[in-house]
Amino acid sequence: MPLTMTYGRPSPQSAVETVHAALDAGVTLFDTADMYGVGANERLLGRALGGHRDEVTIATKLGIVALPGVGIPVGLNARPERVRKCVEGSLRRLGTDRIDLLYLHRVDPSVPIEETIGAMAELVSEGSVRELGVCEVTAELLERANAVHRLAALQSEWSLFSRDVESGPLQAARRLGLAVVAYSPLGRGMLTGDPGSTTRLSLLDVRRFLPRWRGKNLQRNLDMVEVVRNVADAHSCTPAQVALAWLLNKGHDVVPIPGTSSPRHLRANLAALDVMLTKQDTARLDRLEAHGARARASDARSPCDAVGSQAIS
């Protein structure tokens, strides 16, 4: 997502350079969606991957309707008749003949999840999609979806500051043997402690409107970030690397996907693989709790809660 939208408008050149840096570093999973930039993210990713298509896994998503031209989520539509059209569009923009992992981005409350997954499963049978996943669902919905077609992954927001998935969906995913893909593992940038992601947001940055960045919540959350920074100092690393290391310690089935449009940040994120937290560190970090909801209350069941950072992993 950060390659084309959400946290300001990144340079297309920097975005492409980030994808190339990821390839050079051995990254093989690239995560996008049809609503990111209303297709712009998929087009950029397809061009940037170029002749490396067979070396990588491409994941994309469907189900959110975005406002043309600006990419603002305005609704949900996961009706079976729309599924094929969405996938055909994604294939065209990505410049590929198959999607390795297709997610239902958000459950459309007007459509039983079984119907949407059934339509997605038809594309698996035809060969244009290899595996299926779902995003931000309850344990019950996850099991219902998996009963229609074997799923490969559950994607949910999961970080030191977003722990909702731990209350049921995580356990269900593990019972079913799914990968758990954690988007916004850096708390939408807040866990980095960087002023550009906390107190000095650009005018086009959607985080300006999120509860965690407003009023007293922001200062309280920055106080929590200082705890992360203290742990980072003890390991001679950054707060972002500590946040990623904390997630990586949650299990071999956990796949954090920190999004960025900066080659430098990409390389720093990958260095989190070398950070070894102690049991004391983990216990201290486990006690952190963010102030304010991760999205606006009015967005609780809407695609607006999809604003994360999940362009590459």
Protein backbone atom coordinates (compact mmCIF):
# COMPACT_ATOMS: atom_id res chain seq x y z
CA MET A 1 0.00 0.00 0.00
CA PRO A 2 2.68 2.62 0.85
CA LEU A 3 4.06 2.25 -2.68
CA THR A 4 1.18 4.30 -4.07
CA MET A 5 -1.13 5.63 -1.36
CA THR A 6 -2.21 6.17 2.25
CA TYR A 7 0.81 7.75 3.97
CA GLY A 8 1.25 10.63 1.56
CA ARG A 9 2.33 10.20 -2.07
CA PRO A 10 5.68 8.44 -2.47
CA SER A 11 7.93 8.87 -5.48
CA PRO A 12 7.19 6.21 -8.13
CA GLN A 13 10.95 5.88 -8.66
CA SER A 14 11.52 5.22 -4.96
CA ALA A 15 8.69 2.69 -4.96
CA VAL A 16 10.21 0.75 -7.86
CA GLU A 17 13.65 0.94 -6.25
CA THR A 18 12.15 -0.54 -3.10
CA VAL A 19 10.76 -3.52 -5.00
CA HIS A 20 14.13 -4.03 -6.69
CA ALA A 21 15.91 -3.79 -3.33
CA ALA A 22 13.53 -6.41 -1.95
CA LEU A 23 14.32 -8.74 -4.84
CA ASP A 24 18.06 -8.21 -4.33
CA ALA A 25 17.65 -9.04 -0.64
CA GLY A 26 15.87 -12.30 -1.37
CA VAL A 27 12.33 -11.21 -0.50
CA THR A 28 9.85 -13.48 -2.27
CA LEU A 29 6.41 -12.43 -0.95
CA PHE A 30 4.78 -9.30 -2.37
CA ASP A 31 1.37 -8.29 -0.99
CA THR A 32 -0.98 -5.86 -2.73
CA ALA A 33 -4.72 -5.34 -3.41
CA ASP A 34 -6.96 -4.12 -6.20
CA MET A 35 -8.15 -1.14 -4.12
CA TYR A 36 -4.68 0.24 -3.31
CA GLY A 37 -4.54 3.32 -5.47
CA VAL A 38 -7.52 1.85 -7.38
CA GLY A 39 -5.23 -0.57 -9.20
CA ALA A 40 -2.14 1.67 -9.28
CA ASN A 41 -0.32 -0.48 -6.71
CA GLU A 42 -0.83 -3.64 -8.76
CA ARG A 43 0.32 -1.94 -11.95
CA LEU A 44 3.47 -0.60 -10.29
CA LEU A 45 4.27 -3.95 -8.71
CA GLY A 46 3.75 -5.78 -12.00
CA ARG A 47 6.13 -3.43 -13.82
CA ALA A 48 8.72 -3.47 -11.06
CA LEU A 49 8.84 -7.27 -10.84
CA GLY A 50 9.46 -7.52 -14.57
CA GLY A 51 11.14 -10.80 -15.46
CA HIS A 52 11.24 -11.96 -11.83
CA ARG A 53 7.64 -13.18 -11.80
CA ASP A 54 8.49 -16.87 -11.47
CA GLU A 55 10.79 -16.16 -8.51
CA VAL A 56 8.15 -14.57 -6.27
CA THR A 57 4.80 -15.12 -4.63
CA ILE A 58 2.20 -12.47 -5.40
CA ALA A 59 -0.74 -11.96 -3.05
CA THR A 60 -3.61 -9.62 -3.86
CA LYS A 61 -7.09 -9.00 -2.52
CA LEU A 62 -10.65 -8.23 -3.55
CA GLY A 63 -13.88 -7.15 -1.91
CA ILE A 64 -13.37 -3.45 -1.15
CA VAL A 65 -14.80 -0.79 -3.43
CA ALA A 66 -12.64 2.34 -3.72
CA LEU A 67 -13.48 5.78 -5.06
CA PRO A 68 -11.99 6.11 -8.56
CA GLY A 69 -9.11 8.52 -8.84
CA VAL A 70 -8.37 8.80 -5.12
CA GLY A 71 -8.50 5.25 -3.77
CA ILE A 72 -10.63 6.06 -0.73
CA PRO A 73 -12.62 2.97 0.41
CA VAL A 74 -16.35 3.62 0.02
CA GLY A 75 -17.95 0.22 0.47
CA LEU A 76 -17.81 -3.55 0.16
CA ASN A 77 -18.82 -5.80 -2.72
CA ALA A 78 -17.82 -9.44 -2.58
CA ARG A 79 -20.70 -10.84 -4.61
CA PRO A 80 -19.80 -13.99 -6.54
CA GLU A 81 -20.45 -12.35 -9.91
CA ARG A 82 -17.91 -9.61 -9.10
CA VAL A 83 -15.14 -11.98 -8.00
CA ARG A 84 -14.15 -13.09 -11.50
CA LYS A 85 -14.14 -9.52 -12.81
CA CYS A 86 -11.88 -8.40 -9.95
CA VAL A 87 -9.41 -11.21 -10.57
CA GLU A 88 -9.32 -10.57 -14.30
CA GLY A 89 -8.50 -6.93 -13.57
CA SER A 90 -5.76 -7.85 -11.10
CA LEU A 91 -4.17 -10.30 -13.53
CA ARG A 92 -4.13 -7.67 -16.25
CA ARG A 93 -2.62 -4.98 -14.02
CA LEU A 94 -0.02 -7.32 -12.52
CA GLY A 95 0.92 -8.61 -15.97
CA THR A 96 0.69 -12.25 -14.94
CA ASP A 97 -1.37 -15.34 -15.69
CA ARG A 98 -1.92 -16.36 -12.08
CA ILE A 99 -2.32 -15.01 -8.57
CA ASP A 100 -0.45 -17.08 -6.01
CA LEU A 101 -2.58 -16.05 -3.03
CA LEU A 102 -5.97 -14.37 -3.38
CA TYR A 103 -7.52 -12.87 -0.26
CA LEU A 104 -11.04 -11.78 0.53
CA HIS A 105 -10.03 -8.32 1.73
CA ARG A 106 -13.08 -7.77 3.91
CA VAL A 107 -16.23 -9.83 4.41
CA ASP A 108 -19.23 -8.28 2.69
CA PRO A 109 -22.02 -8.51 5.31
CA SER A 110 -24.63 -8.69 2.53
CA VAL A 111 -23.10 -11.88 1.10
CA PRO A 112 -22.58 -15.18 2.98
CA ILE A 113 -18.85 -15.82 3.10
CA GLU A 114 -19.47 -19.28 1.67
CA GLU A 115 -20.71 -17.75 -1.58
CA THR A 116 -17.70 -15.48 -2.00
CA ILE A 117 -15.19 -18.21 -1.18
CA GLY A 118 -17.03 -20.58 -3.51
CA ALA A 119 -16.59 -18.15 -6.39
CA MET A 120 -12.91 -17.69 -5.52
CA ALA A 121 -12.48 -21.48 -5.37
CA GLU A 122 -13.76 -21.79 -8.95
CA LEU A 123 -10.78 -19.71 -10.07
CA VAL A 124 -8.45 -22.06 -8.21
CA SER A 125 -9.94 -24.95 -10.16
CA GLU A 126 -9.38 -23.04 -13.39
CA GLY A 127 -5.75 -22.26 -12.56
CA SER A 128 -5.78 -18.45 -12.45
CA VAL A 129 -5.48 -18.55 -8.64
CA ARG A 130 -3.31 -20.94 -6.63
CA GLU A 131 -4.30 -20.42 -2.97
CA LEU A 132 -6.97 -18.56 -0.99
CA GLY A 133 -6.93 -16.49 2.17
CA VAL A 134 -9.16 -14.16 4.17
CA CYS A 135 -8.50 -10.90 6.01
CA GLU A 136 -9.81 -9.57 9.33
CA VAL A 137 -12.37 -12.26 10.12
CA THR A 138 -13.68 -13.84 13.30
CA ALA A 139 -12.78 -17.40 14.22
CA GLU A 140 -16.26 -18.52 13.18
CA LEU A 141 -16.04 -16.91 9.75
CA LEU A 142 -12.55 -18.31 9.26
CA GLU A 143 -13.79 -21.84 9.89
CA ARG A 144 -16.82 -21.36 7.64
CA ALA A 145 -14.61 -20.12 4.82
CA ASN A 146 -12.16 -22.98 5.26
CA ALA A 147 -15.01 -25.48 5.10
CA VAL A 148 -15.79 -24.33 1.56
CA HIS A 149 -12.20 -24.45 0.32
CA ARG A 150 -8.93 -25.12 2.11
CA LEU A 151 -7.38 -21.78 3.01
CA ALA A 152 -3.68 -20.98 3.10
CA ALA A 153 -3.58 -17.84 5.22
CA LEU A 154 -5.33 -15.48 7.58
CA GLN A 155 -4.25 -11.83 7.29
CA SER A 156 -4.96 -9.53 10.21
CA GLU A 157 -3.53 -6.39 11.73
CA TRP A 158 -1.16 -7.55 14.44
CA SER A 159 1.49 -5.59 16.29
CA LEU A 160 2.49 -4.59 19.79
CA PHE A 161 -0.31 -2.02 19.52
CA SER A 162 -2.96 -4.19 17.81
CA ARG A 163 -3.69 -7.48 19.56
CA ASP A 164 -7.30 -8.23 18.55
CA VAL A 165 -6.32 -11.26 16.49
CA GLU A 166 -5.06 -12.97 19.64
CA SER A 167 -8.58 -13.20 21.07
CA GLY A 168 -9.80 -16.01 18.79
CA PRO A 169 -8.84 -15.79 15.11
CA LEU A 170 -5.21 -16.67 15.85
CA GLN A 171 -6.15 -19.85 17.65
CA ALA A 172 -8.58 -20.84 14.89
CA ALA A 173 -5.93 -20.23 12.23
CA ARG A 174 -3.52 -22.48 14.08
CA ARG A 175 -6.11 -25.22 14.49
CA LEU A 176 -6.59 -25.12 10.73
CA GLY A 177 -2.87 -25.01 9.98
CA LEU A 178 -2.90 -21.60 8.28
CA ALA A 179 -0.14 -19.04 7.97
CA VAL A 180 -0.86 -15.89 9.98
CA VAL A 181 0.08 -12.82 7.95
CA ALA A 182 0.47 -9.74 10.15
CA TYR A 183 -0.14 -6.44 8.39
CA SER A 184 0.81 -3.09 9.93
CA PRO A 185 3.31 -4.84 12.23
CA LEU A 186 4.82 -1.43 13.03
CA GLY A 187 1.51 -0.03 14.29
CA ARG A 188 1.04 1.92 11.04
CA GLY A 189 4.42 3.50 11.67
CA MET A 190 3.86 4.62 15.24
CA LEU A 191 6.12 1.94 16.68
CA THR A 192 9.06 3.35 14.73
CA GLY A 193 8.94 6.50 16.85
CA ASP A 194 9.90 8.50 13.76
CA PRO A 195 8.40 12.04 13.72
CA GLY A 196 7.36 11.49 10.11
CA SER A 197 5.05 8.72 11.31
CA THR A 198 3.93 10.28 14.58
CA THR A 199 3.99 14.04 15.11
CA ARG A 200 4.85 15.36 11.64
CA LEU A 201 2.37 13.70 9.32
CA SER A 202 1.89 15.07 5.83
CA LEU A 203 -1.41 16.69 4.91
CA LEU A 204 -2.35 13.66 2.78
CA ASP A 205 -1.63 11.11 5.51
CA VAL A 206 -4.77 9.23 6.60
CA ARG A 207 -3.33 8.66 10.08
CA ARG A 208 -4.25 12.25 10.93
CA PHE A 209 -7.82 11.02 11.34
CA LEU A 210 -7.16 7.88 13.37
CA PRO A 211 -7.82 7.95 17.15
CA ARG A 212 -4.30 6.87 18.09
CA TRP A 213 -2.84 9.99 16.49
CA ARG A 214 -5.27 12.44 18.05
CA GLY A 215 -5.34 14.39 21.31
CA LYS A 216 -3.99 12.81 24.47
CA ASN A 217 -3.87 9.39 22.85
CA LEU A 218 -0.86 10.36 20.78
CA GLN A 219 1.30 11.38 23.74
CA ARG A 220 0.28 8.30 25.74
CA ASN A 221 1.19 6.08 22.80
CA LEU A 222 4.50 7.82 22.32
CA ASP A 223 5.23 7.07 25.98
CA MET A 224 4.66 3.38 25.14
CA VAL A 225 7.01 3.71 22.18
CA GLU A 226 9.71 4.87 24.61
CA VAL A 227 9.46 1.47 26.30
CA VAL A 228 10.12 -0.15 22.92
CA ARG A 229 13.01 2.26 22.38
CA ASN A 230 14.54 1.26 25.73
CA VAL A 231 14.48 -2.39 24.68
CA ALA A 232 15.96 -1.42 21.31
CA ASP A 233 18.80 0.49 22.97
CA ALA A 234 19.71 -2.62 24.96
CA HIS A 235 20.06 -4.55 21.70
CA SER A 236 21.69 -1.74 19.69
CA CYS A 237 18.84 -1.75 17.20
CA THR A 238 15.80 0.37 16.34
CA PRO A 239 12.29 0.37 17.86
CA ALA A 240 10.93 -0.88 14.52
CA GLN A 241 13.28 -3.85 14.60
CA VAL A 242 12.20 -4.69 18.15
CA ALA A 243 8.52 -4.54 17.12
CA LEU A 244 9.18 -6.92 14.23
CA ALA A 245 11.32 -9.24 16.34
CA TRP A 246 8.50 -9.43 18.90
CA LEU A 247 6.10 -10.64 16.20
CA LEU A 248 8.60 -13.08 14.73
CA ASN A 249 8.92 -14.64 18.19
CA LYS A 250 5.20 -15.42 18.22
CA GLY A 251 5.66 -18.49 16.04
CA HIS A 252 7.08 -19.89 12.83
CA ASP A 253 3.64 -19.53 11.25
CA VAL A 254 3.70 -15.74 11.67
CA VAL A 255 4.61 -13.66 8.59
CA PRO A 256 4.93 -9.91 9.28
CA ILE A 257 4.54 -7.73 6.19
CA PRO A 258 5.94 -4.27 6.97
CA GLY A 259 5.16 -1.97 4.06
CA THR A 260 7.52 0.73 2.92
CA SER A 261 8.44 2.78 -0.12
CA SER A 262 12.05 3.23 1.00
CA PRO A 263 14.91 0.83 0.20
CA ARG A 264 16.65 1.99 3.38
CA HIS A 265 13.66 1.15 5.55
CA LEU A 266 13.27 -2.17 3.76
CA ARG A 267 16.81 -3.21 4.62
CA ALA A 268 16.36 -2.04 8.22
CA ASN A 269 13.17 -4.10 8.53
CA LEU A 270 14.94 -7.22 7.25
CA ALA A 271 17.66 -6.73 9.88
CA ALA A 272 15.00 -7.48 12.53
CA LEU A 273 15.63 -11.15 11.73
CA ASP A 274 18.91 -10.83 13.64
CA VAL A 275 17.40 -9.31 16.81
CA MET A 276 17.16 -11.86 19.62
CA LEU A 277 14.81 -10.71 22.38
CA THR A 278 15.07 -12.17 25.87
CA LYS A 279 12.12 -13.61 27.78
CA GLN A 280 12.22 -10.51 29.95
CA ASP A 281 12.07 -8.27 26.89
CA THR A 282 9.08 -10.16 25.53
CA ALA A 283 7.22 -10.04 28.84
CA ARG A 284 7.82 -6.30 29.09
CA LEU A 285 6.61 -5.72 25.55
CA ASP A 286 3.58 -7.97 26.01
CA ARG A 287 2.28 -5.59 28.67
CA LEU A 288 2.10 -2.61 26.31
CA GLU A 289 -1.34 -1.44 25.28
CA ALA A 290 -2.10 1.33 22.82
CA HIS A 291 -4.49 4.14 23.67
CA GLY A 292 -7.35 4.74 21.25
CA ALA A 293 -8.97 2.44 18.72
CA ARG A 294 -6.91 1.42 15.71
CA ALA A 295 -9.59 2.97 13.46
CA ARG A 296 -12.51 5.31 13.88
CA ALA A 297 -15.52 3.81 15.62
CA SER A 298 -17.63 4.40 12.52
CA ASP A 299 -15.18 2.27 10.54
CA ALA A 300 -15.40 -0.83 12.72
CA ARG A 301 -16.85 -2.98 9.97
CA SER A 302 -15.87 -0.92 6.98
CA PRO A 303 -13.00 -0.93 4.50
CA CYS A 304 -11.62 2.22 6.10
CA ASP A 305 -10.02 -0.10 8.63
CA ALA A 306 -7.96 -1.45 5.76
CA VAL A 307 -5.53 1.44 5.91
CA GLY A 308 -2.38 -0.41 6.82
CA SER A 309 1.05 -0.91 5.41
CA GLN A 310 1.22 -4.03 3.35
CA ALA A 311 2.88 -3.39 0.05
CA ILE A 312 5.80 -5.78 0.31
CA SER A 313 6.99 -8.36 2.75
